[in-house]
Every structure is written in structure tokens, then in C-alpha cells.
Amino acid sequence: MATEATTSRPSRVDRVTDLVVGLLLLLGAVWGGVNAGTATWDATTLLVRGETVSATVVAVEHRYKLGRMDDVVVALPPPHGGQAELATPREDLEPGAVVATVVDPADPSRAALEEDGWPWRTTLPLLLTPLLALAGLFALGLAAFGRSATRQEPDTTEPGS
């Protein structure tokens, strides 16, 4: 005796999980967009207004964790004067080293090492933001409209066989 094919509906837990995942992805997209946008704006401003000078490394804080950048303090030459704090992926810098540094003349505390590949290093995360947003919207769509019903194969075994 064959039974009819049945469809299963997504459970309440599936919908709540999709909702939470979707909201977290959208929040991640917003957070990533704000941070990457700010970094892109700063890098672009420095690219437009910056002047390249030779600066002397005063202090370095090495961070040996994967993906962490080292904190470097450089002494700027006149007329900029003073010091600038910056982050760099370079691990070869020590106090006393002379490095090519791009400085914003209007705000000498805004600086970056010329060899770091900026502004591309800061703008690439901005490209990932739409992908996070789309994934979040997809998960919210699953939460709102449910997953497609899955068909279960009918049980075709005869009792007593």
C-alpha cells in the first residue's frame, strides 16, 4: 500500500535562525561599510593632498598575530614637525629607520607609509560589503517567506513483504 507524497514546512526554529543570521549579516555589512568607507575616505584624502617626506621611525609596537598591523610612530621633518602614528603590515621596521611617508600638510598627524600599497589595502574591504548585504537579505528572505517545500518520497514498501 503506497502512501501519498508529503511536503514538510520549515519549522519555527529554522525561520528564527534565518532571521538572526540575516540580521547579523546585515549588521556586519553596515559595520564593514562604515569602517571601510571611513578608511577609504582617509586614504583618498591623503592621496589627493599628501606630500612624500622622509620620516624617522621613533617607536614600533610589533604585533605578531596573523592579520594584525604593527603600530609605528614616526618623527616628521620640518615644516610638518611633530610625530605621526600609523599602522603598517611591515615587520622590518625598527627605531631609527628612515622611511618614505606620505603626510597631509593640513593635518600632519594623518600619515601613511608610501610602500604599504595604500589606498588599495583600505578600499578592498569596501567591495565585500555588498556581498555581506546580499547574503543578509537572502537569509531574511528565507525567514520571511520560508524555504521551499521539500518533497519526501512516498513509502512504496508493502507491509508484510
C-alpha atoms as a PDB file:
ATOM      1  CA  MET A   1       0.000   0.000   0.000  1.00  0.00           C
ATOM      2  CA  ALA A   2       1.554   3.291  -1.103  1.00  0.00           C
ATOM      3  CA  THR A   3       1.218   6.477   0.935  1.00  0.00           C
ATOM      4  CA  GLU A   4       0.812   9.915  -0.551  1.00  0.00           C
ATOM      5  CA  ALA A   5       3.767  12.209  -1.005  1.00  0.00           C
ATOM      6  CA  THR A   6       4.049  14.749   1.794  1.00  0.00           C
ATOM      7  CA  THR A   7       5.656  18.139   1.975  1.00  0.00           C
ATOM      8  CA  SER A   8       7.375  19.495   5.031  1.00  0.00           C
ATOM      9  CA  ARG A   9       7.184  23.123   6.091  1.00  0.00           C
ATOM     10  CA  PRO A  10      10.121  24.958   7.628  1.00  0.00           C
ATOM     11  CA  SER A  11       9.983  24.879  11.402  1.00  0.00           C
ATOM     12  CA  ARG A  12       9.781  27.941  13.604  1.00  0.00           C
ATOM     13  CA  VAL A  13      13.382  27.306  14.679  1.00  0.00           C
ATOM     14  CA  ASP A  14      14.527  27.426  11.030  1.00  0.00           C
ATOM     15  CA  ARG A  15      12.805  30.764  10.495  1.00  0.00           C
ATOM     16  CA  VAL A  16      14.190  32.299  13.686  1.00  0.00           C
ATOM     17  CA  THR A  17      17.675  31.042  12.792  1.00  0.00           C
ATOM     18  CA  ASP A  18      17.373  32.551   9.299  1.00  0.00           C
ATOM     19  CA  LEU A  19      16.179  35.830  10.829  1.00  0.00           C
ATOM     20  CA  VAL A  20      19.069  36.033  13.302  1.00  0.00           C
ATOM     21  CA  VAL A  21      21.662  35.088  10.664  1.00  0.00           C
ATOM     22  CA  GLY A  22      20.201  37.619   8.225  1.00  0.00           C
ATOM     23  CA  LEU A  23      20.233  40.429  10.786  1.00  0.00           C
ATOM     24  CA  LEU A  24      23.811  39.612  11.828  1.00  0.00           C
ATOM     25  CA  LEU A  25      24.958  39.632   8.197  1.00  0.00           C
ATOM     26  CA  LEU A  26      23.257  42.979   7.574  1.00  0.00           C
ATOM     27  CA  LEU A  27      24.790  44.461  10.730  1.00  0.00           C
ATOM     28  CA  GLY A  28      28.178  43.143   9.605  1.00  0.00           C
ATOM     29  CA  ALA A  29      27.660  44.759   6.205  1.00  0.00           C
ATOM     30  CA  VAL A  30      26.804  48.107   7.816  1.00  0.00           C
ATOM     31  CA  TRP A  31      29.747  47.906  10.219  1.00  0.00           C
ATOM     32  CA  GLY A  32      32.145  46.870   7.441  1.00  0.00           C
ATOM     33  CA  GLY A  33      30.798  49.557   5.125  1.00  0.00           C
ATOM     34  CA  VAL A  34      31.233  52.316   7.696  1.00  0.00           C
ATOM     35  CA  ASN A  35      34.764  51.245   8.630  1.00  0.00           C
ATOM     36  CA  ALA A  36      35.906  50.602   5.075  1.00  0.00           C
ATOM     37  CA  GLY A  37      34.238  53.804   3.872  1.00  0.00           C
ATOM     38  CA  THR A  38      35.973  55.869   6.541  1.00  0.00           C
ATOM     39  CA  ALA A  39      39.338  54.257   5.749  1.00  0.00           C
ATOM     40  CA  THR A  40      38.761  54.824   2.030  1.00  0.00           C
ATOM     41  CA  TRP A  41      37.892  58.485   2.632  1.00  0.00           C
ATOM     42  CA  ASP A  42      41.022  58.983   4.744  1.00  0.00           C
ATOM     43  CA  ALA A  43      43.232  57.222   2.191  1.00  0.00           C
ATOM     44  CA  THR A  44      41.742  59.207  -0.687  1.00  0.00           C
ATOM     45  CA  THR A  45      42.183  62.489   1.159  1.00  0.00           C
ATOM     46  CA  LEU A  46      45.787  61.580   1.862  1.00  0.00           C
ATOM     47  CA  LEU A  47      46.281  60.548  -1.765  1.00  0.00           C
ATOM     48  CA  VAL A  48      44.972  63.895  -3.032  1.00  0.00           C
ATOM     49  CA  ARG A  49      46.604  66.244  -0.508  1.00  0.00           C
ATOM     50  CA  GLY A  50      49.596  64.232   0.677  1.00  0.00           C
ATOM     51  CA  GLU A  51      53.262  65.076   0.291  1.00  0.00           C
ATOM     52  CA  THR A  52      56.011  62.470   0.429  1.00  0.00           C
ATOM     53  CA  VAL A  53      58.697  63.156   3.053  1.00  0.00           C
ATOM     54  CA  SER A  54      61.480  61.161   4.708  1.00  0.00           C
ATOM     55  CA  ALA A  55      60.459  60.419   8.284  1.00  0.00           C
ATOM     56  CA  THR A  56      62.402  58.695  11.071  1.00  0.00           C
ATOM     57  CA  VAL A  57      60.869  55.800  12.992  1.00  0.00           C
ATOM     58  CA  VAL A  58      60.737  56.686  16.694  1.00  0.00           C
ATOM     59  CA  ALA A  59      58.885  53.691  18.147  1.00  0.00           C
ATOM     60  CA  VAL A  60      57.443  50.402  16.907  1.00  0.00           C
ATOM     61  CA  GLU A  61      54.986  48.046  18.587  1.00  0.00           C
ATOM     62  CA  HIS A  62      55.183  44.703  16.809  1.00  0.00           C
ATOM     63  CA  ARG A  63      52.035  42.566  16.804  1.00  0.00           C
ATOM     64  CA  TYR A  64      52.822  39.035  15.822  1.00  0.00           C
ATOM     65  CA  LYS A  65      49.249  37.819  15.434  1.00  0.00           C
ATOM     66  CA  LEU A  66      48.101  36.948  11.916  1.00  0.00           C
ATOM     67  CA  GLY A  67      46.394  39.891  10.237  1.00  0.00           C
ATOM     68  CA  ARG A  68      47.429  42.468  12.848  1.00  0.00           C
ATOM     69  CA  MET A  69      49.360  45.514  11.737  1.00  0.00           C
ATOM     70  CA  ASP A  70      52.290  46.991  13.641  1.00  0.00           C
ATOM     71  CA  ASP A  71      51.892  50.397  15.264  1.00  0.00           C
ATOM     72  CA  VAL A  72      54.651  52.803  14.248  1.00  0.00           C
ATOM     73  CA  VAL A  73      55.433  56.324  15.457  1.00  0.00           C
ATOM     74  CA  VAL A  74      57.456  58.468  13.055  1.00  0.00           C
ATOM     75  CA  ALA A  75      59.095  61.868  13.585  1.00  0.00           C
ATOM     76  CA  LEU A  76      58.220  64.198  10.721  1.00  0.00           C
ATOM     77  CA  PRO A  77      60.763  66.661   9.337  1.00  0.00           C
ATOM     78  CA  PRO A  78      60.141  70.423   9.234  1.00  0.00           C
ATOM     79  CA  PRO A  79      57.915  72.174   8.214  1.00  0.00           C
ATOM     80  CA  HIS A  80      55.479  69.450   9.297  1.00  0.00           C
ATOM     81  CA  GLY A  81      57.258  68.744  12.581  1.00  0.00           C
ATOM     82  CA  GLY A  82      55.895  66.612  15.359  1.00  0.00           C
ATOM     83  CA  GLN A  83      55.060  62.944  15.215  1.00  0.00           C
ATOM     84  CA  ALA A  84      52.521  60.779  13.451  1.00  0.00           C
ATOM     85  CA  GLU A  85      51.173  57.399  14.487  1.00  0.00           C
ATOM     86  CA  LEU A  86      50.410  54.917  11.739  1.00  0.00           C
ATOM     87  CA  ALA A  87      49.775  51.237  11.189  1.00  0.00           C
ATOM     88  CA  THR A  88      51.724  49.111   8.753  1.00  0.00           C
ATOM     89  CA  PRO A  89      51.983  45.436   7.837  1.00  0.00           C
ATOM     90  CA  ARG A  90      55.778  45.800   7.537  1.00  0.00           C
ATOM     91  CA  GLU A  91      57.607  43.872  10.230  1.00  0.00           C
ATOM     92  CA  ASP A  92      61.125  45.029   9.309  1.00  0.00           C
ATOM     93  CA  LEU A  93      60.916  48.495  10.877  1.00  0.00           C
ATOM     94  CA  GLU A  94      62.906  49.393  13.969  1.00  0.00           C
ATOM     95  CA  PRO A  95      63.545  52.736  15.711  1.00  0.00           C
ATOM     96  CA  GLY A  96      65.976  54.884  13.750  1.00  0.00           C
ATOM     97  CA  ALA A  97      64.917  53.629  10.310  1.00  0.00           C
ATOM     98  CA  VAL A  98      64.188  56.282   7.692  1.00  0.00           C
ATOM     99  CA  VAL A  99      61.006  55.640   5.702  1.00  0.00           C
ATOM    100  CA  ALA A 100      59.180  57.414   2.878  1.00  0.00           C
ATOM    101  CA  THR A 101      55.973  58.722   4.430  1.00  0.00           C
ATOM    102  CA  VAL A 102      53.014  60.463   2.831  1.00  0.00           C
ATOM    103  CA  VAL A 103      51.813  63.317   5.054  1.00  0.00           C
ATOM    104  CA  ASP A 104      48.727  65.516   4.836  1.00  0.00           C
ATOM    105  CA  PRO A 105      50.063  69.105   5.104  1.00  0.00           C
ATOM    106  CA  ALA A 106      46.749  70.308   6.545  1.00  0.00           C
ATOM    107  CA  ASP A 107      46.850  67.626   9.259  1.00  0.00           C
ATOM    108  CA  PRO A 108      50.367  66.203   9.766  1.00  0.00           C
ATOM    109  CA  SER A 109      49.045  63.574  12.188  1.00  0.00           C
ATOM    110  CA  ARG A 110      47.421  61.892   9.153  1.00  0.00           C
ATOM    111  CA  ALA A 111      50.185  59.902   7.505  1.00  0.00           C
ATOM    112  CA  ALA A 112      50.900  56.544   5.858  1.00  0.00           C
ATOM    113  CA  LEU A 113      53.990  54.728   4.669  1.00  0.00           C
ATOM    114  CA  GLU A 114      54.396  55.101   0.933  1.00  0.00           C
ATOM    115  CA  GLU A 115      55.388  51.447   0.441  1.00  0.00           C
ATOM    116  CA  ASP A 116      52.263  49.998   2.109  1.00  0.00           C
ATOM    117  CA  GLY A 117      50.158  49.882  -1.056  1.00  0.00           C
ATOM    118  CA  TRP A 118      47.524  52.286   0.193  1.00  0.00           C
ATOM    119  CA  PRO A 119      44.789  53.196  -0.644  1.00  0.00           C
ATOM    120  CA  TRP A 120      44.007  49.778  -2.168  1.00  0.00           C
ATOM    121  CA  ARG A 121      44.548  47.969   1.117  1.00  0.00           C
ATOM    122  CA  THR A 122      41.771  50.046   2.676  1.00  0.00           C
ATOM    123  CA  THR A 123      39.374  50.057  -0.278  1.00  0.00           C
ATOM    124  CA  LEU A 124      39.224  46.299  -0.914  1.00  0.00           C
ATOM    125  CA  PRO A 125      37.084  45.579   2.185  1.00  0.00           C
ATOM    126  CA  LEU A 126      34.579  48.089   0.807  1.00  0.00           C
ATOM    127  CA  LEU A 127      33.991  45.718  -2.107  1.00  0.00           C
ATOM    128  CA  LEU A 128      32.969  42.916   0.281  1.00  0.00           C
ATOM    129  CA  THR A 129      30.203  44.967   1.894  1.00  0.00           C
ATOM    130  CA  PRO A 130      27.619  44.386  -0.880  1.00  0.00           C
ATOM    131  CA  LEU A 131      28.256  40.630  -0.707  1.00  0.00           C
ATOM    132  CA  LEU A 132      27.535  40.614   3.030  1.00  0.00           C
ATOM    133  CA  ALA A 133      24.415  42.709   2.457  1.00  0.00           C
ATOM    134  CA  LEU A 134      23.123  40.355  -0.264  1.00  0.00           C
ATOM    135  CA  ALA A 135      23.730  37.302   1.919  1.00  0.00           C
ATOM    136  CA  GLY A 136      21.873  39.023   4.765  1.00  0.00           C
ATOM    137  CA  LEU A 137      18.923  39.896   2.524  1.00  0.00           C
ATOM    138  CA  PHE A 138      18.823  36.311   1.260  1.00  0.00           C
ATOM    139  CA  ALA A 139      18.697  34.967   4.825  1.00  0.00           C
ATOM    140  CA  LEU A 140      15.964  37.469   5.728  1.00  0.00           C
ATOM    141  CA  GLY A 141      14.039  36.352   2.646  1.00  0.00           C
ATOM    142  CA  LEU A 142      14.270  32.777   3.865  1.00  0.00           C
ATOM    143  CA  ALA A 143      12.978  33.880   7.263  1.00  0.00           C
ATOM    144  CA  ALA A 144      10.088  35.845   5.777  1.00  0.00           C
ATOM    145  CA  PHE A 145       8.964  33.526   3.004  1.00  0.00           C
ATOM    146  CA  GLY A 146      10.294  30.192   4.215  1.00  0.00           C
ATOM    147  CA  ARG A 147      12.362  27.631   2.462  1.00  0.00           C
ATOM    148  CA  SER A 148      10.969  25.771  -0.496  1.00  0.00           C
ATOM    149  CA  ALA A 149       8.925  22.773   0.490  1.00  0.00           C
ATOM    150  CA  THR A 150      10.830  19.555   0.127  1.00  0.00           C
ATOM    151  CA  ARG A 151       9.058  16.544  -1.230  1.00  0.00           C
ATOM    152  CA  GLN A 152       9.517  13.305   0.572  1.00  0.00           C
ATOM    153  CA  GLU A 153       9.387  10.143  -1.481  1.00  0.00           C
ATOM    154  CA  PRO A 154       6.325   8.011  -0.804  1.00  0.00           C
ATOM    155  CA  ASP A 155       6.815   4.807   1.125  1.00  0.00           C
ATOM    156  CA  THR A 156       6.282   2.115  -1.505  1.00  0.00           C
ATOM    157  CA  THR A 157       7.121  -0.888   0.602  1.00  0.00           C
ATOM    158  CA  GLU A 158       4.269  -3.260   1.156  1.00  0.00           C
ATOM    159  CA  PRO A 159       3.598  -4.228   4.734  1.00  0.00           C
ATOM    160  CA  GLY A 160       4.436  -7.843   5.416  1.00  0.00           C
ATOM    161  CA  SER A 161       6.894  -8.226   2.498  1.00  0.00           C
END
